[in-house]
Protein backbone atom coordinates (compact mmCIF):
# COMPACT_ATOMS: atom_id res chain seq x y z
CA MET A 1 -1.55 -37.15 76.30
CA GLN A 2 1.78 -35.86 75.01
CA ILE A 3 3.60 -33.86 77.70
CA LYS A 4 6.60 -31.57 77.26
CA ILE A 5 8.61 -31.36 80.49
CA LYS A 6 11.15 -28.62 81.16
CA ALA A 7 13.38 -28.14 84.22
CA THR A 8 14.81 -24.78 85.28
CA LYS A 9 17.74 -24.56 87.73
CA ILE A 10 17.36 -28.25 88.71
CA ASP A 11 18.32 -31.56 87.13
CA LEU A 12 15.42 -33.42 85.53
CA THR A 13 15.97 -36.89 86.95
CA PRO A 14 14.03 -39.93 85.71
CA LYS A 15 12.28 -40.05 89.11
CA ILE A 16 10.94 -36.50 88.70
CA LYS A 17 9.99 -37.11 85.07
CA ASP A 18 8.11 -40.33 85.93
CA TYR A 19 6.31 -38.61 88.84
CA ILE A 20 5.14 -35.78 86.58
CA GLN A 21 4.01 -38.24 83.90
CA GLU A 22 2.10 -40.30 86.49
CA LYS A 23 0.28 -37.22 87.86
CA MET A 24 -0.60 -35.88 84.41
CA ASP A 25 -1.90 -39.32 83.35
CA MET A 26 -4.33 -39.17 86.29
CA LEU A 27 -5.96 -36.14 84.63
CA GLU A 28 -7.02 -38.17 81.60
CA LYS A 29 -10.01 -39.61 83.46
CA TYR A 30 -11.28 -36.05 84.07
CA LEU A 31 -10.67 -34.99 80.48
CA GLY A 32 -12.69 -37.84 79.01
CA SER A 33 -13.23 -37.25 75.29
CA ILE A 34 -11.72 -33.73 75.28
CA ASP A 35 -8.67 -33.50 73.03
CA VAL A 36 -5.63 -31.85 74.58
CA ILE A 37 -3.95 -29.57 72.04
CA ASN A 38 -0.78 -28.98 74.04
CA CYS A 39 0.53 -29.73 77.54
CA ASP A 40 3.69 -28.07 78.87
CA VAL A 41 5.03 -28.75 82.36
CA GLU A 42 7.85 -26.74 83.88
CA VAL A 43 9.49 -27.45 87.22
CA GLY A 44 12.20 -25.35 88.73
CA MET A 45 13.79 -23.86 91.78
CA SER A 46 13.69 -20.22 92.74
CA ILE A 47 15.83 -18.81 95.48
CA GLY A 48 13.66 -17.27 98.17
CA GLY A 49 14.53 -14.54 100.61
CA GLN A 50 17.27 -14.68 103.17
CA ASN A 51 15.43 -16.95 105.60
CA SER A 52 13.08 -18.86 103.30
CA GLY A 53 15.68 -21.10 101.63
CA LYS A 54 14.93 -23.10 98.49
CA ILE A 55 11.48 -22.82 96.97
CA PHE A 56 10.36 -25.16 94.21
CA ARG A 57 7.92 -24.16 91.50
CA ALA A 58 5.68 -26.28 89.27
CA GLU A 59 3.77 -24.83 86.34
CA VAL A 60 1.40 -26.45 83.84
CA ASN A 61 0.01 -24.91 80.66
CA LEU A 62 -2.81 -27.09 79.33
CA GLN A 63 -4.30 -25.97 76.03
CA LEU A 64 -7.81 -27.27 75.40
CA PRO A 65 -10.20 -26.35 72.58
CA GLY A 66 -11.17 -22.74 73.19
CA GLU A 67 -9.21 -22.24 76.41
CA LEU A 68 -5.73 -22.24 77.94
CA ILE A 69 -5.52 -23.41 81.56
CA ARG A 70 -2.39 -22.22 83.36
CA ILE A 71 -1.60 -23.27 86.92
CA GLU A 72 1.51 -22.36 88.92
CA LYS A 73 2.27 -23.38 92.51
CA THR A 74 5.30 -23.00 94.78
CA GLU A 75 6.31 -25.15 97.74
CA LYS A 76 9.35 -26.01 99.83
CA GLU A 77 9.31 -29.54 98.32
CA LEU A 78 9.15 -30.21 94.59
CA PHE A 79 6.78 -33.18 94.80
CA LYS A 80 4.30 -31.20 96.93
CA ALA A 81 4.29 -28.43 94.31
CA ILE A 82 3.56 -30.99 91.58
CA ASP A 83 0.73 -32.48 93.66
CA LYS A 84 -0.81 -29.05 94.27
CA VAL A 85 -0.70 -28.23 90.56
CA LYS A 86 -2.40 -31.53 89.72
CA ASP A 87 -5.16 -30.94 92.30
CA HIS A 88 -5.83 -27.40 91.10
CA LEU A 89 -5.74 -28.54 87.47
CA THR A 90 -8.35 -31.19 88.26
CA ARG A 91 -10.70 -28.50 89.57
CA SER A 92 -10.06 -26.29 86.55
CA ILE A 93 -10.79 -29.14 84.11
CA LYS A 94 -14.07 -29.89 85.89
CA ARG A 95 -15.03 -26.20 85.64
CA TYR A 96 -14.11 -26.18 81.94
CA LYS A 97 -16.29 -29.22 81.26
CA GLU A 98 -19.23 -27.71 83.16
CA LYS A 99 -19.00 -24.54 81.03
CA ARG A 100 -19.03 -26.61 77.84
CA ILE A 101 -22.08 -28.57 79.01
CA ASP A 102 -23.90 -25.36 79.96
CA LYS A 103 -23.19 -23.85 76.53
CA LYS A 104 -24.57 -26.96 74.81
CA ARG A 105 -27.73 -26.81 76.93
CA GLN A 106 -28.28 -23.14 76.15
CA SER A 107 -27.82 -23.64 72.40
CA THR A 108 -30.46 -26.43 72.28
CA LYS A 109 -33.17 -24.23 73.82
């Protein structure tokens, strides 16, 4: 899967880039034979309120045939935000596959 990674208000270090690539590669086993049209990942830092400090944001736009899955999560640590996005994306991919299977079953009746 080809992934475009963008960083906003933080430096995109090789460690962050490798971590994102590793997590997105884990999704391939859930995708199976589904072709990914486009995958954009954006990580960044947003300044919270007066007492909240730094808040990191991770966002993934995964374009699949017939659907765009967009997940965005915020956390106090960047790697936790990336993990949360991956977990939620896994659930969304499973739901997408179930819908496709259900449509195939209904069309064969």
